[in-house]
Protein backbone atom coordinates (compact mmCIF):
# COMPACT_ATOMS: atom_id res chain seq x y z
CA UNK A 1 0.00 0.00 0.00
CA UNK A 2 1.34 3.48 -0.83
CA UNK A 3 1.94 6.20 1.71
CA UNK A 4 -0.47 9.14 1.58
CA UNK A 5 0.27 12.80 2.30
CA UNK A 6 -2.66 15.21 2.07
CA UNK A 7 -1.89 18.94 2.33
CA UNK A 8 -4.68 21.48 2.77
CA UNK A 9 -3.77 25.15 2.44
CA UNK A 10 -6.85 26.61 4.09
CA UNK A 11 -8.51 29.52 2.23
CA UNK A 12 -6.39 29.19 -0.93
CA UNK A 13 -8.16 30.37 -4.08
CA UNK A 14 -7.23 28.36 -7.15
CA UNK A 15 -6.71 31.51 -9.21
CA UNK A 16 -3.91 32.69 -6.88
CA UNK A 17 -1.52 29.93 -7.96
CA UNK A 18 0.62 30.62 -11.02
CA UNK A 19 -0.23 27.19 -12.39
CA UNK A 20 -3.92 28.17 -12.33
CA UNK A 21 -3.33 31.37 -14.28
CA UNK A 22 -2.28 33.97 -11.72
CA UNK A 23 -0.09 36.64 -13.31
CA UNK A 24 2.29 36.79 -10.34
CA UNK A 25 4.81 34.02 -9.55
CA UNK A 26 3.25 32.99 -6.24
CA UNK A 27 3.87 29.24 -6.47
CA UNK A 28 7.14 28.25 -8.19
CA UNK A 29 7.63 25.10 -6.09
CA UNK A 30 4.11 23.79 -6.59
CA UNK A 31 4.19 24.73 -10.28
CA UNK A 32 7.41 22.78 -10.88
CA UNK A 33 6.12 19.78 -8.95
CA UNK A 34 2.78 19.82 -10.78
CA UNK A 35 4.32 20.13 -14.24
CA UNK A 36 6.85 17.37 -13.68
CA UNK A 37 5.28 14.80 -11.37
CA UNK A 38 1.61 15.46 -10.71
CA UNK A 39 -1.85 15.87 -12.22
CA UNK A 40 -3.57 19.25 -11.97
CA UNK A 41 -7.36 19.46 -11.89
CA UNK A 42 -8.31 22.84 -13.30
CA UNK A 43 -11.88 23.19 -11.94
CA UNK A 44 -12.49 21.92 -8.41
CA UNK A 45 -15.60 22.91 -6.45
CA UNK A 46 -15.69 23.11 -2.66
CA UNK A 47 -18.81 21.85 -0.91
CA UNK A 48 -18.94 24.82 1.45
CA UNK A 49 -17.44 28.33 1.58
CA UNK A 50 -15.96 27.80 5.05
CA UNK A 51 -13.60 25.50 6.88
CA UNK A 52 -15.63 23.17 9.09
CA UNK A 53 -18.20 21.71 6.66
CA UNK A 54 -15.78 21.66 3.74
CA UNK A 55 -13.27 19.53 5.65
CA UNK A 56 -16.05 17.16 6.71
CA UNK A 57 -16.85 16.64 3.01
CA UNK A 58 -13.16 16.10 2.22
CA UNK A 59 -12.93 13.36 4.86
CA UNK A 60 -16.30 11.65 4.29
CA UNK A 61 -17.11 11.91 0.57
CA UNK A 62 -20.45 13.50 1.51
CA UNK A 63 -21.99 16.69 0.22
CA UNK A 64 -22.55 19.34 2.89
CA UNK A 65 -26.35 18.99 2.82
CA UNK A 66 -26.02 15.27 3.51
CA UNK A 67 -23.44 15.33 6.31
CA UNK A 68 -25.22 18.19 8.10
CA UNK A 69 -22.18 19.71 9.85
CA UNK A 70 -22.85 23.23 8.60
CA UNK A 71 -23.06 25.19 11.84
CA UNK A 72 -20.92 25.54 14.94
CA UNK A 73 -20.86 21.89 16.02
CA UNK A 74 -18.61 18.83 16.09
CA UNK A 75 -18.51 16.01 13.56
CA UNK A 76 -20.80 13.26 14.91
CA UNK A 77 -19.06 9.92 15.60
CA UNK A 78 -21.62 8.25 13.32
CA UNK A 79 -19.89 9.72 10.25
CA UNK A 80 -17.09 7.48 8.98
CA UNK A 81 -13.95 9.50 8.33
CA UNK A 82 -11.12 8.80 5.88
CA UNK A 83 -8.50 8.34 8.62
CA UNK A 84 -10.66 5.69 10.32
CA UNK A 85 -10.82 3.65 7.12
CA UNK A 86 -7.07 3.94 6.55
CA UNK A 87 -6.17 3.04 10.13
CA UNK A 88 -8.32 -0.09 9.97
CA UNK A 89 -6.39 -1.06 6.83
CA UNK A 90 -3.10 -0.87 8.73
CA UNK A 91 -1.95 2.70 8.11
CA UNK A 92 -0.14 4.78 10.71
CA UNK A 93 -2.14 8.02 10.82
CA UNK A 94 -1.14 11.52 11.92
CA UNK A 95 -2.57 15.01 11.56
CA UNK A 96 -0.74 18.32 11.96
CA UNK A 97 -3.15 21.26 11.75
CA UNK A 98 -3.39 24.98 12.32
CA UNK A 99 -6.03 24.44 15.01
CA UNK A 100 -9.13 26.61 14.85
CA UNK A 101 -11.89 24.35 13.56
CA UNK A 102 -9.29 21.64 12.93
CA UNK A 103 -9.05 20.75 16.62
CA UNK A 104 -10.00 17.42 18.24
CA UNK A 105 -13.10 18.88 19.93
CA UNK A 106 -14.63 19.45 16.49
CA UNK A 107 -14.38 15.73 15.73
CA UNK A 108 -11.46 15.69 13.32
CA UNK A 109 -9.26 13.45 15.46
CA UNK A 110 -11.39 10.43 14.50
CA UNK A 111 -9.06 7.80 13.08
CA UNK A 112 -5.75 9.54 13.84
CA UNK A 113 -3.09 7.89 16.00
CA UNK A 114 -1.53 11.30 16.57
CA UNK A 115 -3.17 14.71 16.27
CA UNK A 116 -1.08 17.86 16.74
CA UNK A 117 -2.51 21.36 16.33
CA UNK A 118 -1.36 24.96 16.71
CA UNK A 119 -2.99 26.23 19.93
CA UNK A 120 -2.24 29.97 19.75
CA UNK A 121 -4.18 32.93 18.36
CA UNK A 122 -0.97 34.40 16.90
CA UNK A 123 -0.50 32.47 13.66
CA UNK A 124 2.78 34.05 12.54
CA UNK A 125 4.83 30.91 13.35
CA UNK A 126 2.04 28.37 12.82
CA UNK A 127 3.09 27.14 9.37
CA UNK A 128 6.84 26.87 10.03
CA UNK A 129 6.22 25.08 13.33
CA UNK A 130 3.73 22.70 11.76
CA UNK A 131 6.05 21.83 8.88
CA UNK A 132 8.78 21.07 11.41
CA UNK A 133 6.46 18.71 13.31
CA UNK A 134 5.40 17.02 10.08
CA UNK A 135 8.99 16.54 8.88
CA UNK A 136 10.03 15.06 12.22
CA UNK A 137 7.11 12.63 12.09
CA UNK A 138 7.94 11.62 8.51
CA UNK A 139 11.53 10.84 9.53
CA UNK A 140 10.26 8.07 11.80
CA UNK A 141 7.84 6.43 9.37
CA UNK A 142 9.60 3.51 7.74
CA UNK A 143 7.90 0.50 9.33
CA UNK A 144 4.47 0.59 7.67
CA UNK A 145 2.40 2.69 5.27
CA UNK A 146 1.34 6.04 6.67
CA UNK A 147 -1.28 8.73 6.16
CA UNK A 148 -0.23 12.29 7.01
CA UNK A 149 -2.76 15.11 6.91
CA UNK A 150 -1.16 18.55 7.00
CA UNK A 151 -3.24 21.71 7.35
CA UNK A 152 -2.32 25.37 7.75
CA UNK A 153 -4.12 28.71 8.12
CA UNK A 154 -1.17 30.62 6.61
CA UNK A 155 -3.25 32.02 3.73
CA UNK A 156 -6.24 32.69 5.99
CA UNK A 157 -6.95 36.01 7.67
CA UNK A 158 -5.22 37.82 9.42
CA UNK A 159 -3.35 39.24 6.44
CA UNK A 160 0.35 39.99 6.71
CA UNK A 161 3.25 41.08 4.54
CA UNK A 162 5.33 37.92 4.31
CA UNK A 163 8.88 38.88 3.44
CA UNK A 164 10.77 38.71 1.19
CA UNK A 165 7.79 37.55 -0.87
CA UNK A 166 5.70 40.72 -0.56
CA UNK A 167 8.47 42.97 -1.89
CA UNK A 168 9.32 40.55 -4.70
CA UNK A 169 5.72 40.29 -5.86
CA UNK A 170 5.13 44.05 -5.60
CA UNK A 171 8.12 44.71 -7.84
CA UNK A 172 8.62 48.27 -9.12
CA UNK A 173 5.25 49.37 -7.72
CA UNK A 174 6.39 48.76 -4.14
CA UNK A 175 7.29 52.39 -3.47
CA UNK A 176 3.84 53.56 -4.59
CA UNK A 177 1.92 51.22 -2.29
CA UNK A 178 0.46 52.86 0.80
CA UNK A 179 1.74 51.68 4.17
CA UNK A 180 -1.33 50.47 5.99
CA UNK A 181 -2.74 48.07 8.52
CA UNK A 182 -5.74 45.99 7.40
CA UNK A 183 -8.41 44.38 9.54
CA UNK A 184 -11.60 42.50 8.73
CA UNK A 185 -14.94 43.36 10.29
CA UNK A 186 -18.35 41.73 10.11
CA UNK A 187 -21.55 43.39 8.97
CA UNK A 188 -23.31 41.12 11.47
CA UNK A 189 -26.83 39.91 10.94
CA UNK A 190 -29.26 42.30 9.31
CA UNK A 191 -32.55 40.61 10.00
CA UNK A 192 -32.25 37.25 8.27
CA UNK A 193 -29.30 38.29 6.14
CA UNK A 194 -25.61 37.89 6.90
CA UNK A 195 -23.95 40.27 4.41
CA UNK A 196 -20.52 38.95 5.37
CA UNK A 197 -17.25 40.70 6.15
CA UNK A 198 -15.47 43.78 4.84
CA UNK A 199 -12.00 45.28 5.08
CA UNK A 200 -11.09 48.36 7.06
CA UNK A 201 -7.71 50.03 6.72
CA UNK A 202 -5.60 52.55 8.57
CA UNK A 203 -2.68 54.23 6.88
CA UNK A 204 0.57 54.72 8.72
CA UNK A 205 0.33 57.80 10.90
CA UNK A 206 -3.47 58.04 10.62
CA UNK A 207 -5.70 57.82 13.68
CA UNK A 208 -8.89 56.62 11.99
CA UNK A 209 -9.87 53.38 10.27
CA UNK A 210 -11.70 53.75 6.97
CA UNK A 211 -13.70 51.75 4.45
CA UNK A 212 -14.20 51.08 1.57
CA UNK A 213 -10.63 50.62 0.44
CA UNK A 214 -9.16 52.52 -2.49
CA UNK A 215 -7.88 50.59 -5.55
CA UNK A 216 -4.31 51.00 -4.27
CA UNK A 217 -5.31 49.68 -0.86
CA UNK A 218 -7.10 46.71 -2.43
CA UNK A 219 -3.92 45.94 -4.37
CA UNK A 220 -2.08 46.00 -1.07
CA UNK A 221 -4.56 43.48 0.34
CA UNK A 222 -4.12 41.30 -2.73
CA UNK A 223 -0.32 41.35 -2.41
CA UNK A 224 -0.49 40.52 1.30
CA UNK A 225 -2.58 37.46 0.46
CA UNK A 226 -0.23 36.53 -2.39
CA UNK A 227 2.82 36.86 -0.15
CA UNK A 228 1.32 34.27 2.21
CA UNK A 229 0.62 32.01 -0.76
CA UNK A 230 4.28 32.32 -1.80
CA UNK A 231 5.48 31.60 1.74
CA UNK A 232 3.21 28.54 1.94
CA UNK A 233 4.53 27.41 -1.44
CA UNK A 234 8.10 27.51 -0.12
CA UNK A 235 7.20 25.60 3.04
CA UNK A 236 5.29 22.90 1.16
CA UNK A 237 8.33 22.69 -1.09
CA UNK A 238 10.31 21.64 1.99
CA UNK A 239 7.81 18.84 2.55
CA UNK A 240 8.12 17.70 -1.07
CA UNK A 241 11.92 17.71 -0.73
CA UNK A 242 11.85 15.64 2.47
CA UNK A 243 9.65 13.01 0.83
CA UNK A 244 12.27 12.69 -1.91
CA UNK A 245 15.22 12.69 0.53
CA UNK A 246 13.67 9.86 2.55
CA UNK A 247 13.26 7.77 -0.59
CA UNK A 248 9.47 7.93 -0.33
CA UNK A 249 8.92 9.41 -3.78
CA UNK A 250 7.45 6.73 -5.99
CA UNK A 251 5.82 5.13 -2.95
CA UNK A 252 3.68 8.06 -1.84
CA UNK A 253 0.42 9.65 -2.97
CA UNK A 254 0.93 13.40 -2.48
CA UNK A 255 -2.05 15.75 -2.74
CA UNK A 256 -2.25 19.53 -2.34
CA UNK A 257 -5.64 21.21 -2.15
CA UNK A 258 -7.71 23.75 -0.22
CA UNK A 259 -11.10 23.83 1.48
CA UNK A 260 -12.47 27.11 0.06
CA UNK A 261 -11.37 30.45 -1.37
CA UNK A 262 -11.52 34.04 -0.14
CA UNK A 263 -13.01 37.40 -1.10
CA UNK A 264 -10.23 39.95 -1.56
CA UNK A 265 -12.23 43.12 -2.08
CA UNK A 266 -14.58 41.98 -4.84
CA UNK A 267 -17.77 44.01 -4.32
CA UNK A 268 -16.00 45.38 -1.21
CA UNK A 269 -16.24 41.94 0.38
CA UNK A 270 -13.80 40.10 2.62
CA UNK A 271 -13.75 36.60 4.08
CA UNK A 272 -15.67 33.59 2.87
CA UNK A 273 -19.42 33.62 3.40
CA UNK A 274 -20.19 33.61 -0.29
CA UNK A 275 -21.13 31.31 -3.18
CA UNK A 276 -19.25 33.14 -5.93
CA UNK A 277 -16.40 31.28 -7.62
CA UNK A 278 -13.72 33.22 -5.74
CA UNK A 279 -15.02 31.43 -2.64
CA UNK A 280 -15.75 27.97 -4.03
CA UNK A 281 -13.04 27.13 -6.60
CA UNK A 282 -9.93 25.55 -5.09
CA UNK A 283 -6.77 23.86 -6.40
CA UNK A 284 -6.28 20.11 -6.53
CA UNK A 285 -2.90 18.65 -7.53
CA UNK A 286 -2.27 14.90 -7.22
CA UNK A 287 0.94 12.89 -7.55
CA UNK A 288 0.54 9.12 -7.86
CA UNK A 289 3.34 6.65 -7.01
CA UNK A 290 3.48 5.13 -10.49
CA UNK A 291 3.71 8.51 -12.21
CA UNK A 292 0.32 8.14 -13.85
CA UNK A 293 -0.76 11.35 -15.54
CA UNK A 294 2.37 13.25 -14.51
CA UNK A 295 2.36 16.76 -15.97
CA UNK A 296 -1.20 16.53 -17.28
CA UNK A 297 -4.10 18.90 -16.69
CA UNK A 298 -7.70 17.77 -16.45
CA UNK A 299 -10.41 20.22 -17.45
CA UNK A 300 -13.38 18.20 -16.23
CA UNK A 301 -15.11 19.81 -13.24
CA UNK A 302 -14.64 17.74 -10.07
CA UNK A 303 -15.58 18.17 -6.39
CA UNK A 304 -13.89 18.02 -3.00
CA UNK A 305 -16.27 15.16 -2.22
CA UNK A 306 -14.23 13.14 -4.74
CA UNK A 307 -11.05 13.46 -2.68
CA UNK A 308 -11.55 10.68 -0.11
CA UNK A 309 -12.74 8.09 -2.67
CA UNK A 310 -9.72 8.94 -4.83
CA UNK A 311 -7.33 8.40 -1.92
CA UNK A 312 -8.89 5.06 -1.01
CA UNK A 313 -8.77 3.95 -4.64
CA UNK A 314 -5.10 4.90 -4.93
CA UNK A 315 -4.43 2.91 -1.74
CA UNK A 316 -6.08 -0.17 -3.22
CA UNK A 317 -8.91 -0.09 -0.68
CA UNK A 318 -11.81 0.39 -3.07
CA UNK A 319 -13.35 3.78 -3.69
CA UNK A 320 -16.51 3.72 -1.61
CA UNK A 321 -16.71 6.29 1.16
CA UNK A 322 -19.84 8.33 1.56
CA UNK A 323 -22.63 8.54 -0.97
CA UNK A 324 -21.62 11.46 -3.15
CA UNK A 325 -17.95 11.35 -4.15
CA UNK A 326 -16.31 9.20 -6.82
CA UNK A 327 -12.68 8.28 -7.43
CA UNK A 328 -10.89 10.48 -9.97
CA UNK A 329 -8.32 7.87 -11.03
CA UNK A 330 -10.34 7.01 -14.13
CA UNK A 331 -10.00 10.61 -15.32
CA UNK A 332 -6.25 10.45 -14.82
CA UNK A 333 -6.22 7.27 -16.92
CA UNK A 334 -8.14 9.02 -19.71
CA UNK A 335 -11.34 6.99 -19.32
CA UNK A 336 -14.79 8.52 -19.90
CA UNK A 337 -15.88 10.59 -16.93
CA UNK A 338 -18.01 9.12 -14.17
CA UNK A 339 -18.04 12.41 -12.27
CA UNK A 340 -21.51 13.99 -12.20
CA UNK A 341 -21.99 17.29 -13.99
CA UNK A 342 -23.50 18.72 -10.80
CA UNK A 343 -21.29 20.19 -8.08
CA UNK A 344 -23.03 21.43 -4.93
CA UNK A 345 -21.94 24.13 -2.49
CA UNK A 346 -24.06 24.77 0.61
CA UNK A 347 -24.04 27.85 2.84
CA UNK A 348 -26.95 27.50 5.28
CA UNK A 349 -25.24 29.16 8.25
CA UNK A 350 -25.23 32.51 6.43
CA UNK A 351 -28.70 31.96 4.87
CA UNK A 352 -27.26 31.94 1.35
CA UNK A 353 -28.67 28.55 0.46
CA UNK A 354 -27.48 26.05 -2.12
CA UNK A 355 -25.40 26.56 -5.26
CA UNK A 356 -25.48 24.15 -8.19
CA UNK A 357 -22.52 24.46 -10.57
CA UNK A 358 -23.18 22.60 -13.82
CA UNK A 359 -20.01 21.35 -15.53
CA UNK A 360 -18.46 24.80 -15.38
CA UNK A 361 -21.12 26.27 -17.66
CA UNK A 362 -23.96 27.45 -15.43
CA UNK A 363 -24.41 28.29 -11.78
CA UNK A 364 -27.84 28.24 -10.17
CA UNK A 365 -28.36 29.44 -6.60
CA UNK A 366 -31.46 28.83 -4.51
CA UNK A 367 -32.17 30.05 -0.98
CA UNK A 368 -33.79 27.24 1.02
CA UNK A 369 -34.33 29.24 4.22
CA UNK A 370 -37.91 28.66 5.43
CA UNK A 371 -38.87 32.25 6.11
CA UNK A 372 -40.91 34.14 3.54
CA UNK A 373 -38.58 37.14 3.57
CA UNK A 374 -35.83 35.14 1.77
CA UNK A 375 -37.26 31.75 0.80
CA UNK A 376 -36.96 30.85 -2.85
CA UNK A 377 -34.64 33.69 -3.86
CA UNK A 378 -32.74 32.40 -6.87
CA UNK A 379 -30.04 33.41 -9.29
CA UNK A 380 -28.75 31.91 -12.54
CA UNK A 381 -25.54 32.94 -14.30
CA UNK A 382 -23.80 31.78 -17.47
CA UNK A 383 -20.23 31.18 -16.30
CA UNK A 384 -18.82 30.96 -19.82
CA UNK A 385 -20.13 34.38 -20.85
CA UNK A 386 -20.21 35.97 -17.41
CA UNK A 387 -17.38 34.54 -15.26
CA UNK A 388 -17.70 37.39 -12.75
CA UNK A 389 -21.34 36.37 -12.14
CA UNK A 390 -22.80 39.84 -12.68
CA UNK A 391 -25.92 39.13 -14.74
CA UNK A 392 -28.87 37.22 -13.30
CA UNK A 393 -30.69 35.18 -15.95
CA UNK A 394 -33.16 33.45 -13.61
CA UNK A 395 -36.27 35.61 -14.21
CA UNK A 396 -36.32 35.05 -17.98
CA UNK A 397 -34.37 31.84 -18.62
CA UNK A 398 -36.50 28.75 -19.39
CA UNK A 399 -33.97 26.51 -17.62
CA UNK A 400 -34.70 28.09 -14.24
CA UNK A 401 -37.78 26.00 -13.43
CA UNK A 402 -35.98 22.73 -14.14
CA UNK A 403 -32.99 23.74 -12.05
CA UNK A 404 -35.28 24.79 -9.21
CA UNK A 405 -36.88 21.34 -9.26
CA UNK A 406 -33.45 19.63 -9.25
CA UNK A 407 -32.35 21.66 -6.22
CA UNK A 408 -35.59 21.00 -4.34
CA UNK A 409 -35.31 17.26 -4.99
CA UNK A 410 -31.66 17.22 -3.91
CA UNK A 411 -32.41 19.02 -0.65
CA UNK A 412 -35.09 16.46 0.20
CA UNK A 413 -32.93 13.52 -0.86
CA UNK A 414 -29.83 14.58 1.09
CA UNK A 415 -31.20 16.22 4.24
CA UNK A 416 -30.82 14.19 7.42
CA UNK A 417 -32.54 15.26 10.59
CA UNK A 418 -35.96 16.33 11.88
CA UNK A 419 -38.68 17.13 9.36
CA UNK A 420 -42.07 18.71 9.88
CA UNK A 421 -44.95 18.37 7.42
CA UNK A 422 -47.77 20.89 7.88
CA UNK A 423 -50.85 19.91 5.90
CA UNK A 424 -54.31 21.42 5.50
CA UNK A 425 -57.12 19.70 3.60
CA UNK A 426 -59.92 21.49 5.45
CA UNK A 427 -61.81 24.71 4.67
CA UNK A 428 -60.14 26.81 7.39
CA UNK A 429 -56.62 28.21 7.55
CA UNK A 430 -54.10 26.49 9.80
CA UNK A 431 -52.22 29.18 11.68
CA UNK A 432 -49.69 29.10 14.45
CA UNK A 433 -46.24 29.66 15.85
CA UNK A 434 -43.03 27.64 15.89
CA UNK A 435 -41.07 27.41 19.11
CA UNK A 436 -37.94 25.86 20.55
CA UNK A 437 -35.61 24.28 18.00
CA UNK A 438 -38.00 25.19 15.16
CA UNK A 439 -37.74 28.91 15.93
CA UNK A 440 -34.29 29.24 14.37
CA UNK A 441 -33.45 32.05 11.97
CA UNK A 442 -30.72 30.07 10.16
CA UNK A 443 -31.41 26.34 10.77
CA UNK A 444 -34.97 25.86 9.55
CA UNK A 445 -35.18 25.25 5.81
CA UNK A 446 -38.14 24.61 3.53
CA UNK A 447 -38.55 21.89 0.95
CA UNK A 448 -41.46 21.39 -1.39
CA UNK A 449 -44.93 22.82 -0.93
CA UNK A 450 -46.69 26.08 -0.26
CA UNK A 451 -47.67 27.98 2.84
CA UNK A 452 -46.18 31.00 4.50
CA UNK A 453 -43.68 31.22 7.34
CA UNK A 454 -42.60 34.59 8.62
CA UNK A 455 -39.66 35.32 10.88
CA UNK A 456 -40.22 37.77 13.71
CA UNK A 457 -37.44 39.25 15.80
CA UNK A 458 -39.45 40.07 18.93
CA UNK A 459 -41.94 37.18 19.02
CA UNK A 460 -42.11 33.53 17.90
CA UNK A 461 -42.13 33.00 14.13
CA UNK A 462 -45.52 32.34 12.55
CA UNK A 463 -46.97 30.11 9.84
CA UNK A 464 -50.14 30.16 7.74
CA UNK A 465 -51.14 27.10 5.69
CA UNK A 466 -54.29 27.71 3.71
CA UNK A 467 -56.84 25.21 2.49
CA UNK A 468 -55.26 22.74 0.06
CA UNK A 469 -51.69 23.68 0.98
CA UNK A 470 -48.91 21.67 2.60
CA UNK A 471 -45.34 22.50 3.51
CA UNK A 472 -42.29 20.40 4.42
CA UNK A 473 -39.76 21.95 6.79
CA UNK A 474 -36.22 20.65 7.26
CA UNK A 475 -34.32 21.30 10.49
CA UNK A 476 -30.52 21.24 10.28
CA UNK A 477 -28.22 20.84 13.31
CA UNK A 478 -30.92 21.68 15.88
CA UNK A 479 -29.62 23.73 18.79
CA UNK A 480 -32.15 22.13 21.15
CA UNK A 481 -33.97 18.80 21.33
CA UNK A 482 -37.26 20.50 22.23
CA UNK A 483 -39.49 21.58 19.36
CA UNK A 484 -42.80 23.34 19.95
CA UNK A 485 -45.89 24.04 17.86
CA UNK A 486 -48.74 26.37 18.82
CA UNK A 487 -51.65 26.19 16.36
CA UNK A 488 -55.34 26.74 15.72
CA UNK A 489 -57.81 26.69 12.81
CA UNK A 490 -59.08 30.08 11.64
CA UNK A 491 -61.79 30.84 9.09
CA UNK A 492 -60.57 32.79 6.04
CA UNK A 493 -62.43 35.90 7.23
CA UNK A 494 -60.87 35.55 10.69
CA UNK A 495 -64.22 35.48 12.51
CA UNK A 496 -64.19 31.86 13.68
CA UNK A 497 -61.28 30.36 15.56
CA UNK A 498 -60.73 27.06 17.29
CA UNK A 499 -59.03 26.90 20.65
CA UNK A 500 -55.27 27.13 20.34
CA UNK A 501 -53.11 24.24 21.51
CA UNK A 502 -49.41 23.83 22.22
CA UNK A 503 -47.49 20.62 21.57
CA UNK A 504 -43.86 19.98 22.52
CA UNK A 505 -41.81 17.17 20.98
CA UNK A 506 -38.50 15.74 22.19
CA UNK A 507 -36.57 15.37 18.92
CA UNK A 508 -33.94 13.11 20.50
CA UNK A 509 -36.65 10.50 21.20
CA UNK A 510 -38.31 10.66 17.81
CA UNK A 511 -37.76 6.98 17.06
CA UNK A 512 -40.94 6.79 14.98
CA UNK A 513 -43.02 9.40 13.14
CA UNK A 514 -45.45 11.34 15.28
CA UNK A 515 -48.63 13.00 14.00
CA UNK A 516 -51.12 15.54 15.30
CA UNK A 517 -54.39 15.16 13.41
CA UNK A 518 -56.86 18.05 13.56
CA UNK A 519 -60.63 17.80 13.20
CA UNK A 520 -62.74 20.54 11.66
CA UNK A 521 -63.64 21.83 15.13
CA UNK A 522 -59.96 22.15 16.05
CA UNK A 523 -59.82 19.13 18.35
CA UNK A 524 -56.65 17.11 17.97
CA UNK A 525 -55.54 13.51 18.12
CA UNK A 526 -51.96 12.42 18.76
CA UNK A 527 -50.93 9.42 16.64
CA UNK A 528 -47.70 7.43 17.04
CA UNK A 529 -46.27 5.97 13.83
CA UNK A 530 -49.26 6.81 11.60
CA UNK A 531 -49.87 4.83 8.43
CA UNK A 532 -50.22 8.09 6.49
CA UNK A 533 -49.91 11.82 7.18
CA UNK A 534 -53.03 13.46 8.62
CA UNK A 535 -55.26 15.23 6.12
CA UNK A 536 -55.05 18.31 8.32
CA UNK A 537 -52.39 18.67 10.97
CA UNK A 538 -48.74 17.91 11.52
CA UNK A 539 -46.36 15.03 10.92
CA UNK A 540 -42.88 15.14 12.43
CA UNK A 541 -40.16 12.54 11.95
CA UNK A 542 -36.41 12.03 11.81
CA UNK A 543 -35.14 11.47 8.28
CA UNK A 544 -32.02 9.45 7.47
CA UNK A 545 -31.19 7.37 10.51
CA UNK A 546 -31.75 7.22 14.23
CA UNK A 547 -32.46 10.43 16.18
CA UNK A 548 -29.48 12.17 17.73
CA UNK A 549 -29.44 14.50 20.72
CA UNK A 550 -28.91 18.15 19.88
CA UNK A 551 -25.13 18.45 19.48
CA UNK A 552 -24.81 21.80 21.20
CA UNK A 553 -21.59 23.77 20.96
CA UNK A 554 -18.32 21.83 21.11
CA UNK A 555 -16.43 22.12 24.36
CA UNK A 556 -13.88 24.84 23.71
CA UNK A 557 -11.48 26.51 26.10
CA UNK A 558 -10.58 30.18 26.13
CA UNK A 559 -7.54 29.61 23.91
CA UNK A 560 -9.67 27.93 21.24
CA UNK A 561 -12.19 30.76 21.27
CA UNK A 562 -9.41 33.35 21.09
CA UNK A 563 -7.95 31.56 18.08
CA UNK A 564 -11.30 31.43 16.27
CA UNK A 565 -11.74 35.16 16.94
CA UNK A 566 -8.26 35.91 15.61
CA UNK A 567 -9.10 33.95 12.45
CA UNK A 568 -12.24 36.06 11.98
CA UNK A 569 -14.78 33.31 12.72
CA UNK A 570 -16.14 34.70 15.98
CA UNK A 571 -16.74 38.28 17.02
């Protein structure tokens, strides 16, 4: 079995490597390695625009909708991770990470014999220290095949001028660049919207911070990012050299990739909340022990979900891990593609919904949040004619309806967790409030059907399901195991009302479906494991496996929280 080294340069946009078309020489070591010994995949789509869910997809072969780890929570032990499969096959396994969300308390230690992470909020020495730990570990691995996962936040915020790379990349324009300090701030939540982050800058000698940044200041930001890319390139080059020095080249699968990209001032944005390509396209470069495909470039769009199946296939352990990814070895061998045209990116924690990228030609975005204020917002762009994604074709393009149906079906097929069906076959309106876990501004999504749900900031959210309507709600990563419904029947003119009732359900004990059937007079009957949904009323069940207790927030100490704040994840 070959050795496996997987390197993830967190937050690295594909278009900031020279080998992916960047005009500046940010990646000479990776470029030389890719052109001589590896295969470069030109279009690689991340499953999420941020670290935690994207890494879960990398290690499980599952799309982000399906694995469900899209909010601040740990990976559940029920998800099988790549390192677990490799360790069972006899591999020695080790991880060296930059910490943050890649800490054991977020579930990523599953399957690793050794897990080392950077514990400090100051990341200036994180990459060099981590490379040193990784090289020392490699020096002792001669007895059996090994899997090394190496991760760094070097390219991630906070931005810095890495020298001598910044000055080299700036070139003759260096003297004209303003001397400034750059920070990233959050717009926070504006109702149901999370606009994301933005840059603020302060020039040397100035007392005040300002935004938006000028074109010269944005260029400064861009060069700071690029200087970290160049520094990471040099450090990964040391890892490539050590593999060769130890005689492991030709016996090792070496992969370099990223989990998501970064906004660097586009539309005055910063960070990575977004579904535009600058946030979702990442590099993927693969060296195989037998030299297959060395120096080649593959244009076919692939996904980060394909990474784990590819690694297992290269190790001779089959290619089945998760339900969504496929091995990419057949593409390297020149066989017809078995990779689906569809690549999914999910951003539920910022209420941006689901993005469907179709073979690099089209991108369709659909907001699945349940609340009327945002539900169903959609956007369609032609990536070939409009790579900057400026022009929305959805209102007038005949393909929109079909794409909407595909997204709706995918959400229902992949979602795992509590579901609530609200149905009304009677003459009155079914009105009420959602409480507990269901009263979540960012975790309650809507599938098929009609009906109206409205978010309220100062009182419980409300729903109205009229005669002949039904609505399916999907709850993701519930913060609580208690879900409440307050409801009554109301005549269309509002003059007649049944008595209101309140029902609370323990989601962690939802072993079988549970129904509340309503009669025309508003009386209700509770039914365990009904043969069919009630004609009027509610059906709640757990989709895709046994119920799980609400995960809650992972146990994190003050140092972990400080590090996440320094990385820009927490305020």
